[in-house]
N, C-alpha and C. Protein backbone atom coordinates (compact mmCIF):
# COMPACT_ATOMS: atom_id res chain seq x y z
N MET A 1 117.86 82.64 102.23
CA MET A 1 117.43 81.78 103.32
C MET A 1 118.04 80.38 103.18
N LYS A 2 118.11 79.91 101.94
CA LYS A 2 118.71 78.58 101.72
C LYS A 2 120.15 78.54 102.22
N LYS A 3 120.88 79.63 101.98
CA LYS A 3 122.28 79.71 102.39
C LYS A 3 122.42 79.44 103.90
N TYR A 4 121.45 79.86 104.69
CA TYR A 4 121.50 79.69 106.14
C TYR A 4 120.62 78.53 106.62
N ASN A 5 120.21 77.69 105.67
CA ASN A 5 119.41 76.51 105.98
C ASN A 5 118.09 76.87 106.69
N ILE A 6 117.48 77.95 106.21
CA ILE A 6 116.18 78.38 106.74
C ILE A 6 115.11 78.05 105.70
N ARG A 7 114.15 77.25 106.10
CA ARG A 7 113.07 76.89 105.19
C ARG A 7 112.08 78.05 105.08
N THR A 8 111.55 78.24 103.89
CA THR A 8 110.54 79.28 103.68
C THR A 8 109.22 78.64 103.29
N HIS A 9 108.16 79.37 103.49
CA HIS A 9 106.80 78.92 103.17
C HIS A 9 106.07 80.14 102.62
N LEU A 10 106.36 80.48 101.37
CA LEU A 10 105.91 81.74 100.79
C LEU A 10 104.68 81.56 99.91
N GLY A 11 103.88 82.62 99.83
CA GLY A 11 102.78 82.66 98.88
C GLY A 11 101.52 81.96 99.32
N HIS A 12 101.41 81.62 100.58
CA HIS A 12 100.22 80.92 101.08
C HIS A 12 99.51 81.79 102.10
N LYS A 13 98.22 82.02 101.91
CA LYS A 13 97.46 82.84 102.83
C LYS A 13 97.31 82.15 104.18
N ILE A 14 97.39 82.93 105.24
CA ILE A 14 97.22 82.41 106.60
C ILE A 14 95.74 82.15 106.85
N LYS A 15 95.46 80.96 107.38
CA LYS A 15 94.09 80.59 107.74
C LYS A 15 93.83 80.77 109.23
N GLY A 16 94.89 80.64 110.03
CA GLY A 16 94.71 80.77 111.47
C GLY A 16 95.94 80.30 112.23
N PHE A 17 95.80 80.33 113.57
CA PHE A 17 96.89 79.97 114.46
C PHE A 17 96.38 78.99 115.52
N SER A 18 97.28 78.17 116.00
CA SER A 18 96.98 77.34 117.16
C SER A 18 98.19 77.41 118.08
N ALA A 19 98.15 76.70 119.21
CA ALA A 19 99.22 76.76 120.19
C ALA A 19 100.56 76.32 119.65
N ASN A 20 100.56 75.45 118.63
CA ASN A 20 101.83 74.93 118.13
C ASN A 20 102.00 74.99 116.61
N ALA A 21 101.18 75.81 115.94
CA ALA A 21 101.31 75.88 114.48
C ALA A 21 100.67 77.13 113.90
N VAL A 22 101.15 77.48 112.71
CA VAL A 22 100.51 78.50 111.88
C VAL A 22 99.86 77.72 110.75
N HIS A 23 98.58 77.94 110.53
CA HIS A 23 97.83 77.19 109.52
C HIS A 23 97.67 78.05 108.27
N THR A 24 98.14 77.54 107.12
CA THR A 24 98.04 78.28 105.87
C THR A 24 97.32 77.44 104.83
N GLU A 25 96.96 78.07 103.73
CA GLU A 25 96.33 77.35 102.62
C GLU A 25 97.27 76.32 102.01
N GLY A 26 98.57 76.49 102.21
CA GLY A 26 99.56 75.56 101.68
C GLY A 26 100.04 74.55 102.69
N GLY A 27 99.38 74.45 103.83
CA GLY A 27 99.78 73.51 104.87
C GLY A 27 100.12 74.22 106.17
N ASP A 28 100.47 73.44 107.17
CA ASP A 28 100.77 73.98 108.50
C ASP A 28 102.27 74.16 108.69
N ILE A 29 102.62 75.12 109.52
CA ILE A 29 104.01 75.37 109.88
C ILE A 29 104.10 75.19 111.39
N ALA A 30 104.89 74.20 111.82
CA ALA A 30 105.08 73.98 113.26
C ALA A 30 105.74 75.21 113.88
N SER A 31 105.29 75.56 115.09
CA SER A 31 105.82 76.76 115.74
C SER A 31 105.75 76.62 117.25
N ASP A 32 106.87 76.88 117.92
CA ASP A 32 106.88 76.91 119.38
C ASP A 32 106.40 78.27 119.89
N LEU A 33 106.70 79.32 119.12
CA LEU A 33 106.31 80.68 119.48
C LEU A 33 106.00 81.43 118.18
N THR A 34 104.82 82.02 118.10
CA THR A 34 104.42 82.77 116.91
C THR A 34 104.15 84.21 117.30
N LEU A 35 104.85 85.12 116.63
CA LEU A 35 104.59 86.55 116.76
C LEU A 35 104.03 86.98 115.41
N PHE A 36 102.86 87.57 115.40
CA PHE A 36 102.21 87.90 114.13
C PHE A 36 101.83 89.36 114.10
N MET A 37 102.18 90.02 113.00
CA MET A 37 101.76 91.40 112.78
C MET A 37 100.91 91.39 111.52
N PRO A 38 99.63 91.68 111.63
CA PRO A 38 98.77 91.63 110.44
C PRO A 38 99.13 92.71 109.44
N GLY A 39 98.75 92.48 108.20
CA GLY A 39 98.96 93.47 107.15
C GLY A 39 98.20 94.74 107.46
N MET A 40 98.58 95.78 106.78
CA MET A 40 97.95 97.08 107.00
C MET A 40 96.50 97.07 106.52
N THR A 41 95.70 97.90 107.13
CA THR A 41 94.33 98.12 106.68
C THR A 41 94.13 99.61 106.48
N GLY A 42 93.15 99.94 105.69
CA GLY A 42 92.85 101.34 105.41
C GLY A 42 92.38 102.08 106.65
N PRO A 43 92.27 103.41 106.56
CA PRO A 43 91.84 104.20 107.72
C PRO A 43 90.39 103.90 108.10
N ALA A 44 90.12 103.89 109.38
CA ALA A 44 88.79 103.55 109.88
C ALA A 44 87.70 104.46 109.30
N TRP A 45 88.01 105.74 109.10
CA TRP A 45 87.01 106.69 108.62
C TRP A 45 86.67 106.50 107.14
N ALA A 46 87.48 105.73 106.41
CA ALA A 46 87.25 105.55 104.97
C ALA A 46 85.90 104.90 104.69
N GLU A 47 85.47 104.05 105.60
CA GLU A 47 84.21 103.33 105.43
C GLU A 47 83.03 104.28 105.23
N ASN A 48 83.09 105.45 105.86
CA ASN A 48 81.99 106.42 105.78
C ASN A 48 82.21 107.47 104.69
N SER A 49 83.22 107.30 103.86
CA SER A 49 83.55 108.31 102.85
C SER A 49 82.65 108.25 101.62
N GLY A 50 82.05 107.10 101.37
CA GLY A 50 81.24 106.95 100.16
C GLY A 50 82.08 106.60 98.94
N LEU A 51 83.39 106.50 99.10
CA LEU A 51 84.29 106.15 98.00
C LEU A 51 84.49 104.64 97.96
N PRO A 52 84.78 104.09 96.79
CA PRO A 52 84.98 102.64 96.70
C PRO A 52 86.26 102.22 97.42
N LEU A 53 86.15 101.12 98.17
CA LEU A 53 87.27 100.63 98.95
C LEU A 53 87.69 99.23 98.51
N SER A 54 88.94 98.93 98.73
CA SER A 54 89.45 97.59 98.47
C SER A 54 89.00 96.66 99.59
N GLU A 55 89.31 95.40 99.46
CA GLU A 55 88.99 94.41 100.48
C GLU A 55 89.64 94.78 101.82
N GLY A 56 90.82 95.40 101.78
CA GLY A 56 91.52 95.79 103.00
C GLY A 56 91.11 97.14 103.55
N GLY A 57 90.16 97.83 102.91
CA GLY A 57 89.68 99.11 103.42
C GLY A 57 90.43 100.32 102.90
N PHE A 58 91.23 100.15 101.83
CA PHE A 58 91.94 101.27 101.22
C PHE A 58 91.10 101.84 100.07
N PHE A 59 91.35 103.11 99.73
CA PHE A 59 90.63 103.73 98.62
C PHE A 59 91.10 103.11 97.30
N GLN A 60 90.16 102.63 96.51
CA GLN A 60 90.51 102.06 95.23
C GLN A 60 91.00 103.15 94.29
N ALA A 61 92.05 102.83 93.54
CA ALA A 61 92.60 103.79 92.58
C ALA A 61 93.09 103.01 91.36
N ASP A 62 93.06 103.68 90.21
CA ASP A 62 93.57 103.03 89.00
C ASP A 62 95.05 103.39 88.80
N ALA A 63 95.60 103.01 87.67
CA ALA A 63 97.03 103.25 87.40
C ALA A 63 97.36 104.74 87.29
N TYR A 64 96.34 105.59 87.17
CA TYR A 64 96.53 107.04 87.09
C TYR A 64 96.24 107.71 88.44
N CYS A 65 95.98 106.90 89.45
CA CYS A 65 95.66 107.33 90.83
C CYS A 65 94.23 107.86 90.98
N ARG A 66 93.41 107.71 89.93
CA ARG A 66 92.02 108.17 90.00
C ARG A 66 91.18 107.18 90.80
N VAL A 67 90.25 107.71 91.59
CA VAL A 67 89.28 106.86 92.26
C VAL A 67 88.17 106.60 91.24
N PRO A 68 87.90 105.33 90.92
CA PRO A 68 86.91 105.02 89.88
C PRO A 68 85.54 105.66 90.15
N GLU A 69 84.98 106.21 89.09
CA GLU A 69 83.63 106.79 89.09
C GLU A 69 83.49 108.05 89.93
N PHE A 70 84.62 108.69 90.31
CA PHE A 70 84.58 109.93 91.07
C PHE A 70 85.52 110.93 90.41
N LYS A 71 84.96 111.75 89.53
CA LYS A 71 85.75 112.73 88.78
C LYS A 71 86.46 113.70 89.75
N GLY A 72 87.76 113.90 89.51
CA GLY A 72 88.52 114.84 90.31
C GLY A 72 88.97 114.31 91.66
N ILE A 73 88.74 113.04 91.93
CA ILE A 73 89.16 112.44 93.21
C ILE A 73 90.30 111.47 92.92
N TYR A 74 91.40 111.66 93.62
CA TYR A 74 92.61 110.85 93.44
C TYR A 74 93.04 110.29 94.79
N ALA A 75 93.66 109.12 94.77
CA ALA A 75 94.19 108.51 95.99
C ALA A 75 95.67 108.23 95.79
N VAL A 76 96.47 108.65 96.76
CA VAL A 76 97.91 108.40 96.71
C VAL A 76 98.38 107.94 98.08
N GLY A 77 99.53 107.30 98.11
CA GLY A 77 100.16 106.92 99.37
C GLY A 77 99.47 105.79 100.08
N ASP A 78 99.64 105.76 101.39
CA ASP A 78 99.17 104.65 102.20
C ASP A 78 97.67 104.43 102.15
N GLY A 79 96.90 105.45 101.87
CA GLY A 79 95.44 105.30 101.85
C GLY A 79 94.91 104.65 100.60
N GLY A 80 95.74 104.55 99.55
CA GLY A 80 95.27 104.03 98.28
C GLY A 80 95.56 102.56 98.05
N SER A 81 94.71 101.94 97.27
CA SER A 81 94.91 100.57 96.80
C SER A 81 95.09 100.67 95.29
N HIS A 82 96.33 100.58 94.85
CA HIS A 82 96.68 100.81 93.45
C HIS A 82 97.02 99.50 92.74
N PRO A 83 96.78 99.45 91.44
CA PRO A 83 97.21 98.26 90.70
C PRO A 83 98.72 98.21 90.63
N GLY A 84 99.24 97.05 90.52
CA GLY A 84 100.69 96.91 90.43
C GLY A 84 101.10 95.53 90.90
N PRO A 85 102.37 95.33 90.99
CA PRO A 85 102.85 94.02 91.42
C PRO A 85 102.50 93.75 92.88
N GLU A 86 102.58 92.49 93.25
CA GLU A 86 102.26 92.09 94.62
C GLU A 86 103.16 92.80 95.64
N TRP A 87 104.35 93.18 95.22
CA TRP A 87 105.31 93.81 96.14
C TRP A 87 105.20 95.34 96.15
N LEU A 88 104.15 95.91 95.57
CA LEU A 88 103.99 97.36 95.53
C LEU A 88 104.17 97.94 96.93
N PRO A 89 105.20 98.77 97.12
CA PRO A 89 105.49 99.25 98.48
C PRO A 89 104.54 100.35 98.94
N LYS A 90 104.39 100.44 100.24
CA LYS A 90 103.70 101.56 100.87
C LYS A 90 104.78 102.29 101.65
N GLN A 91 105.42 103.24 100.98
CA GLN A 91 106.49 104.02 101.58
C GLN A 91 106.41 105.43 101.01
N ALA A 92 107.08 106.35 101.64
CA ALA A 92 107.02 107.76 101.24
C ALA A 92 107.43 107.97 99.79
N HIS A 93 108.46 107.28 99.35
CA HIS A 93 108.94 107.44 97.97
C HIS A 93 107.83 107.05 96.98
N MET A 94 107.13 105.96 97.26
CA MET A 94 106.05 105.53 96.37
C MET A 94 104.92 106.56 96.40
N ALA A 95 104.63 107.11 97.57
CA ALA A 95 103.60 108.15 97.68
C ALA A 95 103.99 109.38 96.87
N ASP A 96 105.27 109.74 96.88
CA ASP A 96 105.75 110.87 96.07
C ASP A 96 105.51 110.62 94.59
N LEU A 97 105.84 109.42 94.13
CA LEU A 97 105.66 109.09 92.71
C LEU A 97 104.18 109.10 92.33
N GLN A 98 103.33 108.60 93.21
CA GLN A 98 101.89 108.61 92.96
C GLN A 98 101.35 110.04 92.98
N ALA A 99 101.82 110.85 93.90
CA ALA A 99 101.35 112.23 94.00
C ALA A 99 101.72 113.03 92.76
N GLN A 100 102.92 112.80 92.21
CA GLN A 100 103.31 113.49 90.98
C GLN A 100 102.37 113.12 89.83
N ALA A 101 102.07 111.83 89.70
CA ALA A 101 101.16 111.39 88.63
C ALA A 101 99.76 111.97 88.86
N ALA A 102 99.28 111.92 90.10
CA ALA A 102 97.94 112.43 90.40
C ALA A 102 97.84 113.93 90.11
N ALA A 103 98.84 114.71 90.52
CA ALA A 103 98.81 116.16 90.28
C ALA A 103 98.78 116.46 88.79
N LYS A 104 99.62 115.78 88.01
CA LYS A 104 99.64 116.00 86.56
C LYS A 104 98.30 115.62 85.93
N ASN A 105 97.72 114.53 86.40
CA ASN A 105 96.45 114.07 85.84
C ASN A 105 95.29 114.99 86.24
N LEU A 106 95.32 115.49 87.46
CA LEU A 106 94.27 116.42 87.89
C LEU A 106 94.34 117.71 87.09
N LEU A 107 95.55 118.23 86.86
CA LEU A 107 95.69 119.43 86.03
C LEU A 107 95.21 119.18 84.60
N ALA A 108 95.56 118.02 84.06
CA ALA A 108 95.08 117.67 82.71
C ALA A 108 93.56 117.60 82.69
N GLU A 109 92.99 116.98 83.71
CA GLU A 109 91.53 116.85 83.79
C GLU A 109 90.86 118.23 83.84
N GLN A 110 91.43 119.15 84.59
CA GLN A 110 90.87 120.50 84.70
C GLN A 110 90.96 121.27 83.39
N GLN A 111 91.89 120.84 82.51
CA GLN A 111 92.03 121.47 81.20
C GLN A 111 91.29 120.69 80.12
N GLY A 112 90.44 119.74 80.55
CA GLY A 112 89.63 118.97 79.61
C GLY A 112 90.39 117.87 78.89
N GLN A 113 91.55 117.50 79.37
CA GLN A 113 92.34 116.44 78.75
C GLN A 113 92.21 115.15 79.55
N GLU A 114 92.62 114.06 78.92
CA GLU A 114 92.59 112.76 79.57
C GLU A 114 93.82 112.58 80.46
N ALA A 115 93.65 111.82 81.53
CA ALA A 115 94.79 111.45 82.38
C ALA A 115 95.71 110.56 81.56
N GLN A 116 97.00 110.84 81.60
CA GLN A 116 97.94 110.01 80.85
C GLN A 116 99.21 109.69 81.63
N HIS A 117 99.28 110.15 82.87
CA HIS A 117 100.50 109.95 83.67
C HIS A 117 100.28 108.82 84.68
N GLN A 118 101.10 107.79 84.57
CA GLN A 118 101.07 106.69 85.52
C GLN A 118 102.30 106.79 86.42
N PHE A 119 102.19 106.29 87.63
CA PHE A 119 103.33 106.33 88.54
C PHE A 119 104.26 105.15 88.26
N LYS A 120 105.53 105.37 88.51
CA LYS A 120 106.51 104.31 88.38
C LYS A 120 106.49 103.47 89.65
N THR A 121 106.45 102.17 89.50
CA THR A 121 106.50 101.29 90.65
C THR A 121 107.95 101.04 90.99
N GLU A 122 108.34 101.48 92.20
CA GLU A 122 109.75 101.43 92.56
C GLU A 122 109.89 101.37 94.08
N LEU A 123 110.80 100.56 94.53
CA LEU A 123 111.13 100.48 95.94
C LEU A 123 112.59 100.89 96.10
N ILE A 124 112.84 101.90 96.90
CA ILE A 124 114.20 102.31 97.23
C ILE A 124 114.23 102.45 98.75
N CYS A 125 115.13 101.74 99.36
CA CYS A 125 115.19 101.76 100.82
C CYS A 125 116.62 101.54 101.27
N ILE A 126 117.05 102.31 102.24
CA ILE A 126 118.32 102.06 102.89
C ILE A 126 118.00 101.63 104.31
N ILE A 127 118.35 100.41 104.62
CA ILE A 127 118.15 99.89 105.97
C ILE A 127 119.34 100.35 106.80
N ASP A 128 119.08 101.20 107.76
CA ASP A 128 120.12 101.83 108.56
C ASP A 128 120.42 100.95 109.77
N THR A 129 121.69 100.53 109.92
CA THR A 129 122.09 99.73 111.07
C THR A 129 122.93 100.57 112.04
N LEU A 130 122.70 101.86 112.04
CA LEU A 130 123.33 102.88 112.88
C LEU A 130 124.76 103.23 112.45
N ASP A 131 125.58 102.25 112.10
CA ASP A 131 126.93 102.58 111.66
C ASP A 131 127.16 102.27 110.19
N LYS A 132 126.24 101.51 109.59
CA LYS A 132 126.32 101.17 108.17
C LYS A 132 124.90 101.13 107.62
N GLY A 133 124.78 100.85 106.34
CA GLY A 133 123.47 100.75 105.73
C GLY A 133 123.47 99.74 104.61
N VAL A 134 122.29 99.21 104.30
CA VAL A 134 122.10 98.27 103.21
C VAL A 134 121.10 98.89 102.25
N LEU A 135 121.45 98.97 100.98
CA LEU A 135 120.56 99.54 99.98
C LEU A 135 119.73 98.43 99.34
N VAL A 136 118.41 98.64 99.33
CA VAL A 136 117.49 97.72 98.67
C VAL A 136 116.81 98.49 97.55
N TYR A 137 116.81 97.93 96.35
CA TYR A 137 116.17 98.58 95.21
C TYR A 137 115.39 97.54 94.42
N ARG A 138 114.21 97.93 93.97
CA ARG A 138 113.43 97.04 93.11
C ARG A 138 112.54 97.87 92.22
N ASP A 139 112.44 97.46 90.96
CA ASP A 139 111.47 98.02 90.03
C ASP A 139 110.97 96.87 89.17
N SER A 140 110.28 97.17 88.08
CA SER A 140 109.68 96.10 87.26
C SER A 140 110.73 95.29 86.51
N LYS A 141 111.96 95.79 86.40
CA LYS A 141 112.99 95.10 85.63
C LYS A 141 114.07 94.44 86.47
N ARG A 142 114.30 94.94 87.69
CA ARG A 142 115.42 94.39 88.46
C ARG A 142 115.17 94.53 89.97
N ALA A 143 115.91 93.73 90.71
CA ALA A 143 115.90 93.79 92.16
C ALA A 143 117.35 93.69 92.63
N MET A 144 117.74 94.58 93.53
CA MET A 144 119.13 94.59 94.01
C MET A 144 119.17 94.73 95.52
N LEU A 145 120.13 94.09 96.10
CA LEU A 145 120.43 94.24 97.52
C LEU A 145 121.92 94.52 97.60
N MET A 146 122.26 95.75 97.93
CA MET A 146 123.67 96.15 98.00
C MET A 146 124.21 95.82 99.39
N PRO A 147 125.49 95.52 99.49
CA PRO A 147 126.06 95.09 100.77
C PRO A 147 126.05 96.20 101.83
N LYS A 148 126.24 95.77 103.06
CA LYS A 148 126.27 96.67 104.21
C LYS A 148 127.54 97.53 104.14
N LEU A 149 127.35 98.83 103.89
CA LEU A 149 128.48 99.76 103.77
C LEU A 149 128.20 101.03 104.55
N ARG A 150 129.24 101.64 105.05
CA ARG A 150 129.11 102.90 105.80
C ARG A 150 128.56 104.02 104.92
N VAL A 151 128.92 104.02 103.64
CA VAL A 151 128.48 105.08 102.73
C VAL A 151 126.95 105.15 102.64
N PHE A 152 126.26 104.02 102.77
CA PHE A 152 124.79 104.03 102.70
C PHE A 152 124.19 104.70 103.94
N ASN A 153 124.84 104.54 105.09
CA ASN A 153 124.39 105.23 106.29
C ASN A 153 124.48 106.73 106.08
N TRP A 154 125.60 107.18 105.54
CA TRP A 154 125.78 108.61 105.27
C TRP A 154 124.79 109.09 104.21
N ALA A 155 124.60 108.27 103.16
CA ALA A 155 123.68 108.63 102.08
C ALA A 155 122.26 108.80 102.61
N LYS A 156 121.85 107.93 103.51
CA LYS A 156 120.50 108.03 104.06
C LYS A 156 120.34 109.32 104.86
N ARG A 157 121.33 109.65 105.65
CA ARG A 157 121.26 110.89 106.44
C ARG A 157 121.22 112.12 105.54
N LEU A 158 122.04 112.13 104.49
CA LEU A 158 122.06 113.24 103.55
C LEU A 158 120.72 113.35 102.82
N PHE A 159 120.20 112.23 102.34
CA PHE A 159 118.92 112.24 101.64
C PHE A 159 117.82 112.77 102.55
N GLU A 160 117.78 112.29 103.79
CA GLU A 160 116.76 112.75 104.73
C GLU A 160 116.87 114.25 104.95
N TRP A 161 118.08 114.76 105.13
CA TRP A 161 118.28 116.18 105.34
C TRP A 161 117.80 116.98 104.13
N LEU A 162 118.19 116.55 102.92
CA LEU A 162 117.79 117.26 101.70
C LEU A 162 116.28 117.17 101.48
N TYR A 163 115.70 116.01 101.74
CA TYR A 163 114.28 115.80 101.52
C TYR A 163 113.44 116.67 102.45
N LEU A 164 113.84 116.78 103.69
CA LEU A 164 113.06 117.53 104.67
C LEU A 164 113.37 119.03 104.68
N ARG A 165 114.45 119.43 104.04
CA ARG A 165 114.87 120.81 104.06
C ARG A 165 113.79 121.82 103.67
N PRO A 166 113.03 121.57 102.60
CA PRO A 166 111.99 122.56 102.23
C PRO A 166 110.89 122.72 103.28
N TYR A 167 110.74 121.75 104.18
CA TYR A 167 109.67 121.79 105.17
C TYR A 167 110.12 122.36 106.51
N ARG A 168 111.41 122.57 106.67
CA ARG A 168 111.94 123.08 107.92
C ARG A 168 111.78 124.59 108.01
N ALA A 169 111.49 125.08 109.20
CA ALA A 169 111.34 126.52 109.41
C ALA A 169 112.70 127.22 109.41
N ASP A 170 113.75 126.49 109.75
CA ASP A 170 115.09 127.10 109.89
C ASP A 170 115.93 126.97 108.62
N LYS A 171 115.31 126.90 107.45
CA LYS A 171 116.04 126.72 106.18
C LYS A 171 117.19 127.60 106.09
């Protein structure tokens, strides 16, 4: 953002909006036009589930994907509120990693063993610009943004085809 002379105002919770500003805990941001998309919230039906929920209405889960105080109940994917870094993604890849850990832990639990599998926190995304793509990667040790290349567009299409292949009727 600095490269393009764009000021940022990061890490401050929004307090509200007015006709000419966004009000945050770190001060106000002047604005002629504000378009706001609120953060995600858990499913509406979760409130009646009897399971513990986060402040945002997601099912609480520990690092093993277990719902606290509910034996044999696991939360994965978008419905779960998992411990991790502030940037913990809600994307299919993260749900896959959580589901693998949850399945292994549930099987261990059924065999009288302790849960010992934690999910890897990882963001992998190819932003498709129709003719090229940009690869974004982040984990606990590194963050990378690869340049806009045609090969990433092809890679995304191939990955999607391979990923969905087991679910297609016309395999």
